[in-house]
N, C-alpha and C. Protein backbone atom coordinates (compact mmCIF):
# COMPACT_ATOMS: atom_id res chain seq x y z
N MET A 1 35.76 264.25 123.66
CA MET A 1 34.96 263.03 124.06
C MET A 1 34.15 262.52 123.03
N SER A 2 34.10 261.27 122.80
CA SER A 2 33.24 260.64 121.85
C SER A 2 31.90 260.33 122.32
N PHE A 3 31.10 259.85 121.29
CA PHE A 3 29.83 259.29 121.66
C PHE A 3 29.83 258.24 122.75
N ARG A 4 30.81 257.49 122.65
CA ARG A 4 30.88 256.34 123.79
C ARG A 4 31.13 257.00 125.05
N GLU A 5 31.94 257.95 125.12
CA GLU A 5 32.23 258.49 126.48
C GLU A 5 31.07 259.42 126.98
N ASN A 6 30.40 259.92 126.15
CA ASN A 6 29.22 260.78 126.51
C ASN A 6 27.84 260.17 126.20
N GLY A 7 27.82 258.87 126.29
CA GLY A 7 26.39 258.17 126.04
C GLY A 7 25.57 258.47 127.13
N LYS A 8 26.01 258.56 128.40
CA LYS A 8 25.12 258.79 129.46
C LYS A 8 24.55 260.19 129.33
N GLY A 9 25.21 261.26 128.94
CA GLY A 9 24.70 262.49 128.83
C GLY A 9 23.67 262.51 127.58
N ILE A 10 23.97 261.82 126.54
CA ILE A 10 22.98 261.74 125.43
C ILE A 10 21.80 260.93 125.75
N ARG A 11 21.94 259.93 126.51
CA ARG A 11 20.86 259.18 126.93
C ARG A 11 19.89 259.77 127.97
N ALA A 12 20.46 260.88 128.57
CA ALA A 12 19.59 261.67 129.44
C ALA A 12 18.46 262.22 128.73
N TYR A 13 18.57 262.37 127.55
CA TYR A 13 17.39 262.95 126.73
C TYR A 13 16.43 261.88 126.12
N ASP A 14 15.37 262.11 125.74
CA ASP A 14 14.43 261.15 125.15
C ASP A 14 14.75 261.07 123.69
N VAL A 15 15.89 260.44 123.26
CA VAL A 15 16.38 260.27 121.93
C VAL A 15 16.82 258.82 121.67
N ALA A 16 16.83 258.49 120.41
CA ALA A 16 17.53 257.30 119.90
C ALA A 16 18.74 257.84 119.11
N TYR A 17 19.78 257.34 119.39
CA TYR A 17 20.95 257.78 118.71
C TYR A 17 21.80 256.61 118.17
N PHE A 18 22.38 256.85 116.94
CA PHE A 18 23.11 255.73 116.33
C PHE A 18 23.98 256.45 115.35
N THR A 19 24.88 255.79 114.78
CA THR A 19 25.64 256.39 113.55
C THR A 19 25.42 255.57 112.49
N ALA A 20 25.79 255.94 111.24
CA ALA A 20 25.44 255.21 110.00
C ALA A 20 26.74 255.15 109.26
N SER A 21 26.78 254.12 108.46
CA SER A 21 27.97 253.90 107.58
C SER A 21 27.63 253.17 106.28
N CYS A 22 28.34 253.49 105.28
CA CYS A 22 28.12 252.82 103.98
C CYS A 22 28.82 251.56 103.82
N ASP A 23 29.45 251.04 105.07
CA ASP A 23 30.14 249.78 105.02
C ASP A 23 29.21 248.63 105.31
N PRO A 24 29.43 247.53 104.87
CA PRO A 24 28.57 246.33 105.10
C PRO A 24 28.35 246.24 106.64
N GLU A 25 27.22 245.50 106.90
CA GLU A 25 26.85 245.23 108.36
C GLU A 25 27.82 244.51 109.03
N LYS A 26 28.51 243.49 108.50
CA LYS A 26 29.55 242.63 109.21
C LYS A 26 30.65 243.58 109.65
N THR A 27 31.17 244.38 108.63
CA THR A 27 32.18 245.28 109.10
C THR A 27 31.88 246.26 110.16
N ASN A 28 30.66 246.79 110.10
CA ASN A 28 30.23 247.61 111.08
C ASN A 28 30.12 247.05 112.51
N LYS A 29 29.69 245.76 112.52
CA LYS A 29 29.50 244.88 113.68
C LYS A 29 30.88 244.78 114.34
N ARG A 30 31.78 244.30 113.43
CA ARG A 30 33.16 244.07 114.11
C ARG A 30 33.82 245.30 114.61
N PHE A 31 33.65 246.48 113.86
CA PHE A 31 34.18 247.81 114.44
C PHE A 31 33.47 248.02 115.69
N ALA A 32 32.26 248.02 115.70
CA ALA A 32 31.49 248.45 117.03
C ALA A 32 31.89 247.46 118.16
N GLU A 33 32.00 246.22 117.97
CA GLU A 33 32.46 245.27 118.98
C GLU A 33 33.91 245.59 119.43
N SER A 34 34.90 245.96 118.49
CA SER A 34 36.19 246.12 118.78
C SER A 34 36.36 247.58 119.71
N LEU A 35 35.42 248.46 119.57
CA LEU A 35 35.52 249.65 120.37
C LEU A 35 34.35 249.61 121.53
N LYS A 36 33.66 248.44 121.73
CA LYS A 36 32.85 248.37 122.76
C LYS A 36 31.73 249.46 122.74
N LEU A 37 31.18 249.66 121.56
CA LEU A 37 30.25 250.83 121.44
C LEU A 37 28.95 250.48 122.18
N ASP A 38 28.20 251.38 122.72
CA ASP A 38 27.01 251.19 123.44
C ASP A 38 25.76 251.76 122.58
N PHE A 39 26.07 251.97 121.26
CA PHE A 39 25.10 252.35 120.30
C PHE A 39 25.19 251.81 119.10
N PRO A 40 24.17 251.70 118.25
CA PRO A 40 24.26 250.88 116.89
C PRO A 40 25.00 251.67 115.87
N ILE A 41 25.57 250.95 115.01
CA ILE A 41 25.86 251.57 113.69
C ILE A 41 25.07 250.94 112.52
N LEU A 42 24.38 251.70 111.94
CA LEU A 42 23.48 251.22 110.77
C LEU A 42 24.25 251.15 109.56
N SER A 43 23.95 250.13 108.78
CA SER A 43 24.62 250.00 107.46
C SER A 43 23.84 250.39 106.29
N ASP A 44 24.51 251.06 105.30
CA ASP A 44 23.92 251.59 104.11
C ASP A 44 24.80 251.35 102.92
N PRO A 45 25.13 249.95 102.64
CA PRO A 45 26.01 249.65 101.50
C PRO A 45 25.57 250.13 100.33
N SER A 46 24.23 250.16 100.00
CA SER A 46 23.74 250.73 98.68
C SER A 46 23.91 252.24 98.45
N ARG A 47 24.24 252.93 99.62
CA ARG A 47 24.37 254.31 99.76
C ARG A 47 23.03 255.08 99.28
N GLN A 48 21.98 254.43 99.30
CA GLN A 48 20.69 255.21 98.95
C GLN A 48 20.24 256.05 99.95
N THR A 49 20.41 255.85 101.22
CA THR A 49 19.99 256.65 102.41
C THR A 49 21.09 257.88 102.45
N ALA A 50 22.39 257.54 102.30
CA ALA A 50 23.43 258.48 102.29
C ALA A 50 23.26 259.55 101.20
N LEU A 51 22.82 258.91 100.00
CA LEU A 51 22.48 260.01 99.02
C LEU A 51 21.36 260.87 99.16
N ALA A 52 20.26 260.26 99.77
CA ALA A 52 19.19 261.08 100.11
C ALA A 52 19.45 262.20 101.12
N TYR A 53 20.28 261.78 102.17
CA TYR A 53 20.58 262.90 103.08
C TYR A 53 21.83 263.80 102.71
N GLY A 54 22.25 263.53 101.53
CA GLY A 54 23.35 264.45 101.05
C GLY A 54 24.84 264.32 101.56
N VAL A 55 25.00 263.23 102.11
CA VAL A 55 26.34 262.80 102.76
C VAL A 55 27.28 262.24 101.88
N VAL A 56 26.87 261.80 100.67
CA VAL A 56 27.77 261.21 99.65
C VAL A 56 27.19 261.84 98.36
N LYS A 57 28.05 262.05 97.47
CA LYS A 57 27.78 262.47 96.12
C LYS A 57 28.56 261.66 95.15
N ALA A 58 28.29 261.83 93.88
CA ALA A 58 29.10 261.17 92.91
C ALA A 58 30.51 261.60 92.97
N GLY A 59 31.33 260.67 92.77
CA GLY A 59 32.85 260.89 92.90
C GLY A 59 33.47 261.21 94.21
N ARG A 60 32.49 261.08 95.38
CA ARG A 60 33.09 261.09 96.69
C ARG A 60 33.05 259.77 97.27
N THR A 61 34.34 259.30 97.74
CA THR A 61 34.48 257.86 98.08
C THR A 61 33.90 257.67 99.59
N HIS A 62 34.01 258.77 100.42
CA HIS A 62 33.63 258.45 101.88
C HIS A 62 32.39 259.37 102.10
N PRO A 63 31.47 259.05 102.90
CA PRO A 63 30.41 259.88 103.32
C PRO A 63 31.03 260.97 104.22
N ARG A 64 30.42 262.11 104.27
CA ARG A 64 30.64 263.15 105.22
C ARG A 64 30.19 262.75 106.56
N ARG A 65 30.79 263.23 107.64
CA ARG A 65 30.39 263.15 109.01
C ARG A 65 29.35 264.27 109.25
N TRP A 66 28.09 264.00 109.21
CA TRP A 66 27.17 265.06 109.58
C TRP A 66 26.20 264.43 110.52
N THR A 67 25.67 265.32 111.56
CA THR A 67 24.72 264.72 112.45
C THR A 67 23.42 265.42 112.26
N TYR A 68 22.43 264.63 112.21
CA TYR A 68 20.92 265.11 111.88
C TYR A 68 20.27 265.02 113.18
N TYR A 69 19.64 266.01 113.61
CA TYR A 69 18.62 265.99 114.73
C TYR A 69 17.27 266.11 114.21
N ILE A 70 16.54 264.82 114.40
CA ILE A 70 15.29 264.61 113.75
C ILE A 70 14.25 264.54 114.89
N GLY A 71 13.27 265.38 114.85
CA GLY A 71 12.20 265.33 115.88
C GLY A 71 11.38 264.06 115.67
N LYS A 72 10.51 263.83 116.75
CA LYS A 72 9.56 262.59 116.64
C LYS A 72 8.64 262.68 115.52
N ASN A 73 8.33 263.91 115.08
CA ASN A 73 7.43 264.07 113.88
C ASN A 73 8.13 263.86 112.53
N GLY A 74 9.41 263.48 112.52
CA GLY A 74 10.15 263.19 111.28
C GLY A 74 10.87 264.33 110.75
N LYS A 75 10.64 265.67 111.34
CA LYS A 75 11.22 266.93 110.79
C LYS A 75 12.61 267.03 111.18
N ILE A 76 13.54 267.31 110.36
CA ILE A 76 14.79 267.76 110.57
C ILE A 76 14.91 269.01 111.31
N LEU A 77 15.39 269.05 112.58
CA LEU A 77 15.43 270.18 113.27
C LEU A 77 16.76 271.03 113.24
N ALA A 78 17.89 270.20 113.04
CA ALA A 78 19.15 270.84 112.78
C ALA A 78 20.09 269.78 112.09
N ILE A 79 21.05 270.31 111.58
CA ILE A 79 22.16 269.58 111.01
C ILE A 79 23.39 270.05 111.30
N ASP A 80 24.39 269.28 111.91
CA ASP A 80 25.58 269.73 112.23
C ASP A 80 26.58 269.17 111.23
N LYS A 81 27.11 270.08 110.47
CA LYS A 81 28.15 269.64 109.46
C LYS A 81 29.61 269.86 109.81
N GLN A 82 29.84 270.20 111.06
CA GLN A 82 31.11 270.43 111.71
C GLN A 82 31.49 269.25 112.66
N VAL A 83 31.45 268.09 112.30
CA VAL A 83 31.61 266.89 113.14
C VAL A 83 32.99 266.63 113.49
N LYS A 84 33.53 266.70 114.70
CA LYS A 84 34.86 266.16 115.04
C LYS A 84 34.56 265.05 115.97
N ALA A 85 34.98 263.65 115.48
CA ALA A 85 34.62 262.48 116.17
C ALA A 85 35.06 262.57 117.63
N GLY A 86 36.29 263.17 117.81
CA GLY A 86 36.73 263.06 119.19
C GLY A 86 36.08 263.97 120.30
N SER A 87 35.21 264.86 119.86
CA SER A 87 34.59 265.79 120.72
C SER A 87 33.00 265.91 120.53
N HIS A 88 32.60 265.06 119.58
CA HIS A 88 31.36 265.25 119.15
C HIS A 88 30.16 264.90 120.17
N GLY A 89 30.45 263.95 121.01
CA GLY A 89 29.54 263.56 121.98
C GLY A 89 29.12 264.79 122.84
N VAL A 90 30.17 265.55 123.33
CA VAL A 90 29.87 266.75 124.09
C VAL A 90 29.05 267.74 123.34
N GLN A 91 29.30 267.94 122.07
CA GLN A 91 28.56 268.91 121.12
C GLN A 91 27.09 268.34 120.93
N VAL A 92 26.83 267.04 120.86
CA VAL A 92 25.44 266.61 120.78
C VAL A 92 24.69 266.88 122.13
N VAL A 93 25.27 266.69 123.15
CA VAL A 93 24.59 267.02 124.48
C VAL A 93 24.20 268.50 124.42
N LYS A 94 25.16 269.41 124.10
CA LYS A 94 24.92 270.76 124.11
C LYS A 94 23.88 271.07 123.07
N LYS A 95 23.77 270.49 122.05
CA LYS A 95 22.84 270.85 120.89
C LYS A 95 21.40 270.29 121.30
N LEU A 96 21.47 269.20 122.05
CA LEU A 96 20.00 268.79 122.49
C LEU A 96 19.53 269.90 123.52
N ALA A 97 20.34 270.36 124.40
CA ALA A 97 19.79 271.38 125.41
C ALA A 97 19.51 272.65 124.72
N GLU A 98 20.22 272.99 123.69
CA GLU A 98 19.93 274.20 122.85
C GLU A 98 18.58 273.98 122.23
N LEU A 99 18.24 272.75 121.67
CA LEU A 99 16.97 272.47 120.89
C LEU A 99 15.91 272.38 122.01
N GLN A 100 16.16 272.44 123.21
CA GLN A 100 15.32 272.13 124.34
C GLN A 100 14.42 270.85 124.18
N TRP A 101 15.45 269.78 123.86
CA TRP A 101 14.89 268.47 123.70
C TRP A 101 14.57 268.01 125.05
N GLN A 102 13.41 267.14 125.05
CA GLN A 102 12.78 266.73 126.28
C GLN A 102 13.79 265.66 126.91
N LYS A 103 13.97 265.89 128.23
CA LYS A 103 14.77 264.86 128.92
C LYS A 103 13.87 263.72 129.39
N LYS A 104 14.60 262.64 129.60
CA LYS A 104 13.72 261.39 130.27
C LYS A 104 13.47 261.62 131.60
N ASN A 105 12.24 261.09 131.98
CA ASN A 105 11.85 261.27 133.40
C ASN A 105 12.53 260.38 134.29
């Protein structure tokens, strides 16, 4: 199950979640609309943020699919480097529970 199918489970936690892409904003907007996504896709066409997070490197054409769990204080609590798009929504819900992330009231 994907983020879209597991959005309700993710939103049960006090989190902001999104995906990020090195594609231009217009491309991401069309993609999100075509899939009827209920979460944003952030655009990083300069690749500066992707470089800072290590998901792109010189010579690599596509960013890696990694998930960062970042606390409200800005500290990275976990990084999942084994992302499988089709099942990752379920994995995110499990990881939030494992991290004892606060649920919404």
